[in-house]
Every structure is written in structure tokens, then in C-alpha cells.
Amino acid sequence: MKLSSFEKIIRLQFNAYMMITIKGIVRNRRKQRAKRLEREVLFCEILEIKQNNQSNYDSYSFEFFIFQVGNFSIEVSDEKLGMALRKLSEKQRNYILLYYFQDMRDREIAELYHVSRSSVSCTRNRGLKKLKELMNERK
């Protein structure tokens, strides 16, 4: 099958574009891998670091405040914080726990509860103010 000169040019342009795209993807993957390797620590090294830095520590379930938020069971080990969280409204407590303990963004929480992102943000901020007041009272 003989190609016309126009088809050859189009094919060459397409191949050049694909090579540029592939090289860009490879470069990005290498950068991502390098960044990840900077932060990662081998599992065998973690055990040595933990053994050197702290003694063995057992924790028991009665030492925690356990909050059930959706499918998550969130454990809070600080007694003062746990008591203050219990005094918040359920919405405020859930939004704070999901945001800070499950690392969920406002948008994710809003989708979970079918409300607006701004509503989540306002409720969480009001809860944080109230939490701060409760924590200062208990000093």
C-alpha cells in the first residue's frame, strides 16, 4: 500500500507528537518516583527507628474515646479532647473528626453528607471555636 506524501507527513507528525507525549509522561513519572523515594523509608528501617526512639508501649481500648462516624471508627486517645468532642453537636464533631482524623477535604465530606462545601466549612469552623472554648475551660 503506497501512501501519499500528505499521509506520510501526517503520520510523521503524529509519531513525533506521540514521542513527545511519551517522553513527557516518562519524565513526570520519574519526578514522582524521586519525590516518593525521598519520603519513603524501608519497613525494616522503621522498626529499628521505633525501637531506638521509644520503648514498647501497649494501648488498650478503654484508654480511647471511640467515635463512630459513618463507616469509620475514630479513636481519640487524649481525654481532654475526647470529652470536649463529646460536648459538640453531632454534625460539628463528625465534620471535625473526618477532616482532621481521616484527612478528608470539605468537598469529600460535603459529598458524603449531601450538603454544600461551604456548609461543611462553616459548621466545622463553628465547632472548632466551640472546641477551643471547651478545651480552655478544662485547664
Protein backbone atom coordinates (compact mmCIF):
# COMPACT_ATOMS: atom_id res chain seq x y z
CA MET A 1 0.00 0.00 0.00
CA LYS A 2 1.52 3.24 -1.13
CA LEU A 3 0.95 6.35 0.97
CA SER A 4 0.62 9.81 -0.47
CA SER A 5 3.09 12.46 0.64
CA PHE A 6 0.35 14.15 2.70
CA GLU A 7 -0.38 10.90 4.57
CA LYS A 8 3.36 10.39 5.18
CA ILE A 9 3.62 13.90 6.64
CA ILE A 10 0.58 13.35 8.87
CA ARG A 11 1.96 10.01 10.03
CA LEU A 12 5.38 11.56 10.80
CA GLN A 13 3.73 14.44 12.70
CA PHE A 14 1.61 12.01 14.68
CA ASN A 15 4.66 9.86 15.53
CA ALA A 16 6.61 12.96 16.62
CA TYR A 17 3.71 14.12 18.80
CA MET A 18 3.40 10.68 20.39
CA MET A 19 7.13 10.57 21.14
CA ILE A 20 6.96 13.99 22.81
CA THR A 21 3.95 12.87 24.84
CA ILE A 22 5.61 9.61 25.90
CA LYS A 23 8.82 11.40 26.90
CA GLY A 24 6.78 13.87 28.98
CA ILE A 25 4.93 11.06 30.75
CA VAL A 26 8.19 9.22 31.47
CA ARG A 27 9.77 12.43 32.82
CA ASN A 28 6.77 13.08 35.10
CA ARG A 29 6.79 9.50 36.38
CA ARG A 30 10.50 9.75 37.18
CA LYS A 31 9.93 13.01 39.10
CA GLN A 32 7.03 11.46 41.03
CA ARG A 33 9.12 8.40 41.85
CA ALA A 34 12.06 10.54 43.01
CA LYS A 35 9.78 12.59 45.29
CA ARG A 36 8.20 9.43 46.70
CA LEU A 37 11.61 7.86 47.34
CA GLU A 38 12.68 10.97 49.28
CA ARG A 39 9.75 10.50 51.69
CA GLU A 40 9.68 6.71 51.87
CA VAL A 41 11.52 4.69 54.45
CA LEU A 42 12.07 0.97 54.21
CA PHE A 43 9.92 -1.09 56.54
CA CYS A 44 12.95 -2.75 58.10
CA GLU A 45 14.39 0.71 58.92
CA ILE A 46 11.14 1.87 60.55
CA LEU A 47 11.26 -0.95 63.05
CA GLU A 48 14.82 -0.04 64.03
CA ILE A 49 13.95 3.65 64.37
CA LYS A 50 10.91 2.93 66.54
CA GLN A 51 12.84 0.51 68.73
CA ASN A 52 15.59 3.06 69.30
CA ASN A 53 13.27 6.01 69.93
CA GLN A 54 10.69 4.55 72.25
CA SER A 55 10.13 1.61 74.46
CA ASN A 56 7.37 -0.86 73.83
CA TYR A 57 4.03 0.74 74.61
CA ASP A 58 0.75 -1.10 74.93
CA SER A 59 -2.50 0.73 74.48
CA TYR A 60 -5.89 -0.63 75.40
CA SER A 61 -9.31 0.20 74.06
CA PHE A 62 -10.52 1.70 77.35
CA GLU A 63 -7.85 4.41 77.05
CA PHE A 64 -9.53 5.80 73.93
CA PHE A 65 -12.67 7.70 73.12
CA ILE A 66 -14.13 5.92 70.13
CA PHE A 67 -16.38 7.90 67.81
CA GLN A 68 -18.37 6.17 65.08
CA VAL A 69 -18.61 8.43 62.02
CA GLY A 70 -20.24 6.72 59.05
CA ASN A 71 -18.10 3.70 58.22
CA PHE A 72 -15.17 4.97 60.30
CA SER A 73 -14.32 4.22 63.92
CA ILE A 74 -12.13 7.06 65.08
CA GLU A 75 -10.09 6.67 68.27
CA VAL A 76 -9.08 9.75 70.26
CA SER A 77 -6.52 8.99 72.96
CA ASP A 78 -6.46 12.44 74.60
CA GLU A 79 -9.01 12.51 77.44
CA LYS A 80 -9.44 16.28 77.41
CA LEU A 81 -10.04 16.34 73.65
CA GLY A 82 -12.37 13.34 73.79
CA MET A 83 -14.55 14.93 76.48
CA ALA A 84 -14.68 18.23 74.59
CA LEU A 85 -15.61 16.45 71.34
CA ARG A 86 -18.49 14.71 73.09
CA LYS A 87 -19.96 18.10 74.02
CA LEU A 88 -20.13 19.27 70.39
CA SER A 89 -23.15 18.72 68.18
CA GLU A 90 -23.03 15.53 66.15
CA LYS A 91 -22.54 17.42 62.86
CA GLN A 92 -19.69 19.53 64.21
CA ARG A 93 -18.00 16.51 65.79
CA ASN A 94 -18.35 14.39 62.64
CA TYR A 95 -17.02 17.12 60.34
CA ILE A 96 -14.04 17.79 62.63
CA LEU A 97 -13.22 14.10 63.04
CA LEU A 98 -13.44 13.40 59.31
CA TYR A 99 -11.40 16.48 58.44
CA TYR A 100 -8.58 16.04 60.95
CA PHE A 101 -8.51 12.30 61.67
CA GLN A 102 -9.47 10.87 58.26
CA ASP A 103 -7.79 13.64 56.20
CA MET A 104 -10.95 14.27 54.20
CA ARG A 105 -11.38 17.63 52.47
CA ASP A 106 -14.54 19.71 52.83
CA ARG A 107 -15.68 18.70 49.36
CA GLU A 108 -15.42 14.99 50.22
CA ILE A 109 -17.34 15.48 53.47
CA ALA A 110 -19.99 17.51 51.63
CA GLU A 111 -20.45 14.69 49.11
CA LEU A 112 -20.70 12.15 51.94
CA TYR A 113 -23.43 14.12 53.75
CA HIS A 114 -25.09 15.58 50.61
CA VAL A 115 -24.63 19.20 51.69
CA SER A 116 -22.69 22.13 50.26
CA ARG A 117 -18.97 22.50 50.82
CA SER A 118 -19.44 25.92 52.41
CA SER A 119 -21.92 24.46 54.88
CA VAL A 120 -19.34 21.88 55.93
CA SER A 121 -16.67 24.55 56.29
CA CYS A 122 -18.88 26.87 58.37
CA THR A 123 -20.12 24.07 60.64
CA ARG A 124 -16.58 22.76 61.14
CA ASN A 125 -15.23 26.25 61.94
CA ARG A 126 -18.02 26.89 64.47
CA GLY A 127 -17.25 23.52 66.01
CA LEU A 128 -13.55 24.38 66.23
CA LYS A 129 -14.34 27.65 68.05
CA LYS A 130 -16.58 25.81 70.48
CA LEU A 131 -13.96 23.06 70.89
CA LYS A 132 -11.32 25.68 71.68
CA GLU A 133 -13.58 27.22 74.34
CA LEU A 134 -14.29 23.81 75.86
CA MET A 135 -10.60 22.90 75.90
CA ASN A 136 -9.69 26.18 77.61
CA GLU A 137 -12.40 25.68 80.25
CA ARG A 138 -10.93 22.34 81.29
CA LYS A 139 -7.43 23.73 82.06
